[in-house]
Amino acid sequence: MYNLFASDGTDPKFDAAPNAKTDPATCGWKLITTVDTRPAQGEVGGQYGVSVADASGSLGKFRYLLFDTVPTESDDPGATPSIARWMWWGGGDIHSKNFG
């Protein structure tokens, strides 16, 4: 589970690396979406893909993306404030009609 923030970096309060106790929305970041790939029922685990889009065709013009991970199990001794146990990032692709 994670929150996806984006920024163009032009806000005077912009902080490219806010600490875990700072709400990114207070330092130049815009919340794009919250992603939770856990199934409503049944076994968790496996591989999941996510697509983030807007019906208008554009999410905005951004230079930076911030993936703010959220622990999903508070009673899990392997979970830390910054990332949940067993979370692994395999990579990502950014697509745009007008990239550049």
Foldseek 3Di string as FASTA:
>chain_A
DWWKKFAQQPPPQADQDDDLVDDNVVRGIDTQDGDDPADPDDDDDDDDDDDRADPVGDSDDGDDMDIQECAPDPPDPPQDRGYYPPDDDPDDDDDDPDDD
